[in-house]
Each structure stands twice: as structure tokens, then as C-alpha cells.
């Protein structure tokens, strides 16, 4: 009987060891499904906001686009504003990180600018991310909290990165003066022009965004090249 008891005890202790991996796999599957559902809601929200504007967009329509019940949205997002904020965080901040890395690289200014242009054209203008910028431009005056959130999460970081790059370029003699340090918005100006033009007038007169941005930076940096 003692031997039987020992065998039963060993069998019982072995059960959790085999059950745990199954529970872990199940949890991974559930987490993956939840993440996919959340991403589907975000993609549907971006499409709906782009089609109707932030003010007119309804969560019912977002849910329909995402193929979920409206109540499912509230499992992930408090309201329409928090949904838009998460769009900024999930879609825009990775691009901001890429641009920050490009601006911080220890490379000649011309090469850094070329890389930044490539990131913008490929990751923003060539994707649905450009719709977020259009929405901030068009809806920001009526929804200042959204504009402020975009400024804090995107623009303030870009301004800091551009100023640091411009200070380094000035010390190296790659630019002639502190214009870009004082007005870092000059670096982003062609991106805004491209977004606005693309949404309103591109069907009448298509814009070569990459060439336009290069022309802008050639003008902006020409004084520095002449001085060097």
C-alpha cells in the first residue's frame, strides 16, 4: 500500500507539469486574438475618420468596419477621443522614432536629410498614416485636446530632434546660420505641403513629393554649402 500511495503521489505531482504548457499556449492564443481585434478596430477607426472626419465618425460604424460589436470597442478604448489618441501612438510614434534615429546619426547632413525624406515618403506619405496628419490639421481647431496630444507625442519630439541636428550641423559648418535652430518648422514645411496638396489638388496636378522635398532642402542648405 505504501508503494501504491507513492505511485499515486508521483502521478498527482506530474499532472500540473503537463497542464501548465497547455494553459500557457491557450493564453498566448487568446492574447494574439485580442491584439488582432484591437488592431482591426484601430485600422477601421482610421478608415472611418478619414472618410467622415473625426466629428462625424461614429463608433457604430467603426465597429461595423472592424466586424465587431460596438461594445467590443469599449473593452479596449474609453471613447472616440482615446481611440484617436491610440491611433497617434500606434501609427505615428514608430515613425517619429525612426526619424529621431536618422537625425541623431553621426553622418553628413546631406545624407541625414536624404534618409529623413525616404522615411517620410515611404512610411507616411505612402501609407494611411498621412490621413492622421490631415485629420489633425482639419479637426484640430475644433478639438484642441487632440491637437495638443499630437503636439506632445509627435511634433515636440521632432522639433527637439531637428534642433539638435541643426546645432550639430552649425558647429560643423554644414549650415551658415541658426535659422533652422530658431525655426525648426522649416524642416517639416514640405511634409505639410505634401499632405495638404495630396488631399486636395493631386488629381489636378500630381506632386512629386520626394523631388519637392529635395528642392526645398537644397534651397535651405545652400547657404551652408557655399560657406563651407
Protein backbone atom coordinates (compact mmCIF):
# COMPACT_ATOMS: atom_id res chain seq x y z
CA UNK A 1 0.00 0.00 0.00
CA UNK A 2 2.88 2.33 0.72
CA UNK A 3 4.21 1.72 -2.78
CA UNK A 4 0.77 2.40 -4.25
CA UNK A 5 0.50 5.66 -2.30
CA UNK A 6 3.89 6.74 -3.57
CA UNK A 7 2.88 5.98 -7.16
CA UNK A 8 -0.37 8.00 -6.75
CA UNK A 9 1.57 10.89 -5.23
CA UNK A 10 4.02 10.87 -8.15
CA UNK A 11 1.17 10.82 -10.67
CA UNK A 12 -0.57 13.75 -8.99
CA UNK A 13 2.63 15.80 -8.91
CA UNK A 14 3.14 15.12 -12.60
CA UNK A 15 -0.28 16.49 -13.67
CA UNK A 16 0.43 20.23 -13.20
CA UNK A 17 3.73 19.92 -15.07
CA UNK A 18 1.96 18.67 -18.20
CA UNK A 19 -1.04 21.01 -17.81
CA UNK A 20 0.90 24.28 -17.48
CA UNK A 21 2.23 24.42 -21.05
CA UNK A 22 -1.29 23.87 -22.40
CA UNK A 23 -2.61 26.74 -20.28
CA UNK A 24 0.25 28.92 -21.49
CA UNK A 25 -0.48 28.13 -25.12
CA UNK A 26 -4.15 28.91 -24.59
CA UNK A 27 -3.29 32.24 -23.01
CA UNK A 28 -0.98 33.07 -25.92
CA UNK A 29 -3.74 32.32 -28.41
CA UNK A 30 -6.22 34.49 -26.53
CA UNK A 31 -3.70 37.33 -26.28
CA UNK A 32 -2.95 37.11 -30.00
CA UNK A 33 -6.66 37.20 -30.85
CA UNK A 34 -7.20 40.19 -28.56
CA UNK A 35 -4.26 42.04 -30.14
CA UNK A 36 -5.57 41.27 -33.65
CA UNK A 37 -9.03 42.51 -32.69
CA UNK A 38 -7.56 45.70 -31.24
CA UNK A 39 -5.53 46.30 -34.42
CA UNK A 40 -8.62 45.70 -36.55
CA UNK A 41 -10.51 48.32 -34.54
CA UNK A 42 -7.67 50.82 -34.97
CA UNK A 43 -7.47 50.23 -38.73
CA UNK A 44 -11.25 50.55 -39.05
CA UNK A 45 -11.21 53.75 -36.99
CA UNK A 46 -8.56 55.31 -39.22
CA UNK A 47 -10.59 54.44 -42.33
CA UNK A 48 -13.78 55.83 -40.76
CA UNK A 49 -12.14 59.03 -39.52
CA UNK A 50 -10.53 59.56 -42.93
CA UNK A 51 -13.87 59.07 -44.71
CA UNK A 52 -16.10 61.13 -42.41
CA UNK A 53 -13.83 63.28 -40.24
CA UNK A 54 -13.41 62.91 -36.51
CA UNK A 55 -16.57 64.82 -35.57
CA UNK A 56 -18.92 62.90 -37.87
CA UNK A 57 -17.43 59.45 -37.36
CA UNK A 58 -19.49 57.11 -35.17
CA UNK A 59 -18.25 54.19 -33.13
CA UNK A 60 -21.13 52.11 -34.54
CA UNK A 61 -19.62 52.49 -38.00
CA UNK A 62 -16.12 51.78 -36.72
CA UNK A 63 -17.42 48.55 -35.16
CA UNK A 64 -19.11 47.58 -38.41
CA UNK A 65 -15.93 48.16 -40.40
CA UNK A 66 -13.94 46.12 -37.87
CA UNK A 67 -16.50 43.30 -37.82
CA UNK A 68 -17.08 43.53 -34.06
CA UNK A 69 -19.90 44.58 -31.76
CA UNK A 70 -19.85 48.21 -30.65
CA UNK A 71 -19.42 47.08 -27.05
CA UNK A 72 -16.17 45.36 -28.01
CA UNK A 73 -14.61 48.74 -28.74
CA UNK A 74 -15.17 49.78 -25.12
CA UNK A 75 -13.15 46.78 -23.95
CA UNK A 76 -10.09 48.49 -25.45
CA UNK A 77 -10.87 52.22 -25.64
CA UNK A 78 -12.77 54.54 -23.33
CA UNK A 79 -14.27 56.73 -26.06
CA UNK A 80 -13.72 58.11 -29.57
CA UNK A 81 -11.05 60.55 -28.37
CA UNK A 82 -8.97 57.85 -26.69
CA UNK A 83 -9.32 55.76 -29.87
CA UNK A 84 -7.87 58.61 -31.94
CA UNK A 85 -5.09 59.14 -29.40
CA UNK A 86 -4.14 55.49 -29.66
CA UNK A 87 -4.02 55.85 -33.44
CA UNK A 88 -1.41 58.57 -32.97
CA UNK A 89 0.59 56.42 -30.55
CA UNK A 90 0.44 53.20 -32.55
CA UNK A 91 0.76 54.60 -36.07
CA UNK A 92 2.85 57.77 -35.73
CA UNK A 93 5.28 57.31 -32.84
CA UNK A 94 7.18 54.43 -34.51
CA UNK A 95 7.87 56.78 -37.45
CA UNK A 96 8.92 59.51 -35.03
CA UNK A 97 11.39 57.05 -33.51
CA UNK A 98 12.82 56.28 -36.95
CA UNK A 99 13.23 59.97 -37.74
CA UNK A 100 14.80 60.67 -34.35
CA UNK A 101 17.34 57.92 -35.04
CA UNK A 102 18.05 59.32 -38.50
CA UNK A 103 18.56 62.85 -37.16
CA UNK A 104 20.85 61.62 -34.37
CA UNK A 105 23.15 59.65 -36.69
CA UNK A 106 26.76 60.78 -36.89
CA UNK A 107 26.63 61.34 -40.63
CA UNK A 108 26.91 64.28 -43.05
CA UNK A 109 23.83 66.49 -43.02
CA UNK A 110 23.02 65.81 -46.67
CA UNK A 111 22.85 62.05 -46.06
CA UNK A 112 20.69 62.51 -42.96
CA UNK A 113 18.26 64.70 -44.89
CA UNK A 114 18.04 62.12 -47.68
CA UNK A 115 17.25 59.40 -45.16
CA UNK A 116 14.59 61.55 -43.50
CA UNK A 117 12.94 62.23 -46.86
CA UNK A 118 12.91 58.50 -47.58
CA UNK A 119 11.29 57.71 -44.20
CA UNK A 120 8.58 60.32 -44.73
CA UNK A 121 7.73 59.31 -48.28
CA UNK A 122 7.77 55.58 -47.56
CA UNK A 123 6.29 55.42 -44.05
CA UNK A 124 3.92 58.41 -44.00
CA UNK A 125 3.00 59.77 -47.41
CA UNK A 126 2.88 56.32 -48.96
CA UNK A 127 0.58 54.92 -46.25
CA UNK A 128 -2.65 55.68 -44.42
CA UNK A 129 -0.61 57.49 -41.77
CA UNK A 130 -0.94 60.64 -43.86
CA UNK A 131 -4.65 60.61 -43.01
CA UNK A 132 -3.83 61.15 -39.33
CA UNK A 133 -1.93 64.32 -40.17
CA UNK A 134 -4.77 65.52 -42.39
CA UNK A 135 -7.24 64.89 -39.59
CA UNK A 136 -5.14 66.81 -37.07
CA UNK A 137 -4.90 69.75 -39.49
CA UNK A 138 -8.62 69.78 -40.29
CA UNK A 139 -10.10 68.80 -36.92
CA UNK A 140 -7.51 70.24 -34.54
CA UNK A 141 -9.12 73.72 -34.28
CA UNK A 142 -12.42 72.16 -33.16
CA UNK A 143 -10.79 69.54 -30.94
CA UNK A 144 -7.80 71.27 -29.32
CA UNK A 145 -7.17 68.34 -26.97
CA UNK A 146 -6.39 66.15 -29.98
CA UNK A 147 -4.08 68.81 -31.42
CA UNK A 148 -2.28 69.10 -28.09
CA UNK A 149 -1.91 65.32 -27.84
CA UNK A 150 -0.40 65.21 -31.34
CA UNK A 151 1.95 68.04 -30.46
CA UNK A 152 3.13 66.31 -27.27
CA UNK A 153 3.58 62.89 -28.82
CA UNK A 154 4.85 63.80 -32.30
CA UNK A 155 5.73 67.43 -33.01
CA UNK A 156 7.58 68.27 -29.80
CA UNK A 157 9.85 65.26 -30.29
CA UNK A 158 10.50 66.17 -33.91
CA UNK A 159 11.26 69.80 -33.04
CA UNK A 160 13.78 68.70 -30.40
CA UNK A 161 15.44 66.27 -32.83
CA UNK A 162 15.66 68.88 -35.62
CA UNK A 163 17.16 71.50 -33.26
CA UNK A 164 19.80 69.04 -32.06
CA UNK A 165 20.65 68.16 -35.67
CA UNK A 166 20.82 71.82 -36.71
CA UNK A 167 23.10 72.73 -33.79
CA UNK A 168 25.46 69.92 -34.78
CA UNK A 169 25.38 70.99 -38.43
CA UNK A 170 26.13 74.60 -37.49
CA UNK A 171 29.14 73.54 -35.44
CA UNK A 172 30.42 71.51 -38.40
CA UNK A 173 29.90 74.38 -40.84
CA UNK A 174 27.25 72.46 -42.81
CA UNK A 175 24.81 75.36 -42.43
CA UNK A 176 25.68 79.03 -42.34
CA UNK A 177 23.46 80.33 -39.53
CA UNK A 178 20.97 79.39 -36.81
CA UNK A 179 17.81 79.82 -38.90
CA UNK A 180 16.79 76.17 -38.62
CA UNK A 181 17.57 76.15 -34.90
CA UNK A 182 15.22 79.08 -34.39
CA UNK A 183 12.61 77.83 -36.83
CA UNK A 184 12.73 74.01 -36.94
CA UNK A 185 9.27 74.10 -38.55
CA UNK A 186 11.08 74.89 -41.81
CA UNK A 187 12.24 71.28 -41.95
CA UNK A 188 8.67 69.99 -41.72
CA UNK A 189 7.14 72.55 -44.08
CA UNK A 190 7.38 70.46 -47.27
CA UNK A 191 5.80 67.48 -45.50
CA UNK A 192 2.77 69.59 -44.58
CA UNK A 193 2.55 70.96 -48.12
CA UNK A 194 2.66 67.41 -49.50
CA UNK A 195 -0.11 66.22 -47.16
CA UNK A 196 -2.40 69.16 -47.93
CA UNK A 197 -1.70 69.16 -51.68
CA UNK A 198 -2.13 65.41 -51.95
CA UNK A 199 -5.53 65.54 -50.30
CA UNK A 200 -6.89 68.49 -52.29
CA UNK A 201 -5.13 69.01 -55.61
CA UNK A 202 -3.06 65.98 -56.56
CA UNK A 203 -5.70 64.74 -59.02
CA UNK A 204 -5.37 68.02 -60.95
CA UNK A 205 -1.60 68.38 -60.75
CA UNK A 206 0.29 65.41 -59.27
CA UNK A 207 3.15 66.36 -56.97
CA UNK A 208 6.50 64.58 -56.95
CA UNK A 209 6.86 64.71 -53.18
CA UNK A 210 10.39 63.34 -52.99
CA UNK A 211 11.68 65.80 -55.62
CA UNK A 212 9.86 68.72 -54.00
CA UNK A 213 11.37 67.92 -50.60
CA UNK A 214 14.85 67.63 -52.08
CA UNK A 215 14.43 71.01 -53.80
CA UNK A 216 13.31 72.56 -50.52
CA UNK A 217 16.31 71.26 -48.60
CA UNK A 218 18.68 72.23 -51.41
CA UNK A 219 17.47 75.82 -51.03
CA UNK A 220 17.51 75.68 -47.24
CA UNK A 221 21.02 74.26 -47.02
CA UNK A 222 22.62 76.03 -49.97
CA UNK A 223 23.96 78.90 -47.84
CA UNK A 224 25.75 76.43 -45.60
CA UNK A 225 27.35 74.66 -48.57
CA UNK A 226 28.50 77.98 -50.02
CA UNK A 227 30.03 79.00 -46.69
CA UNK A 228 31.92 75.72 -46.38
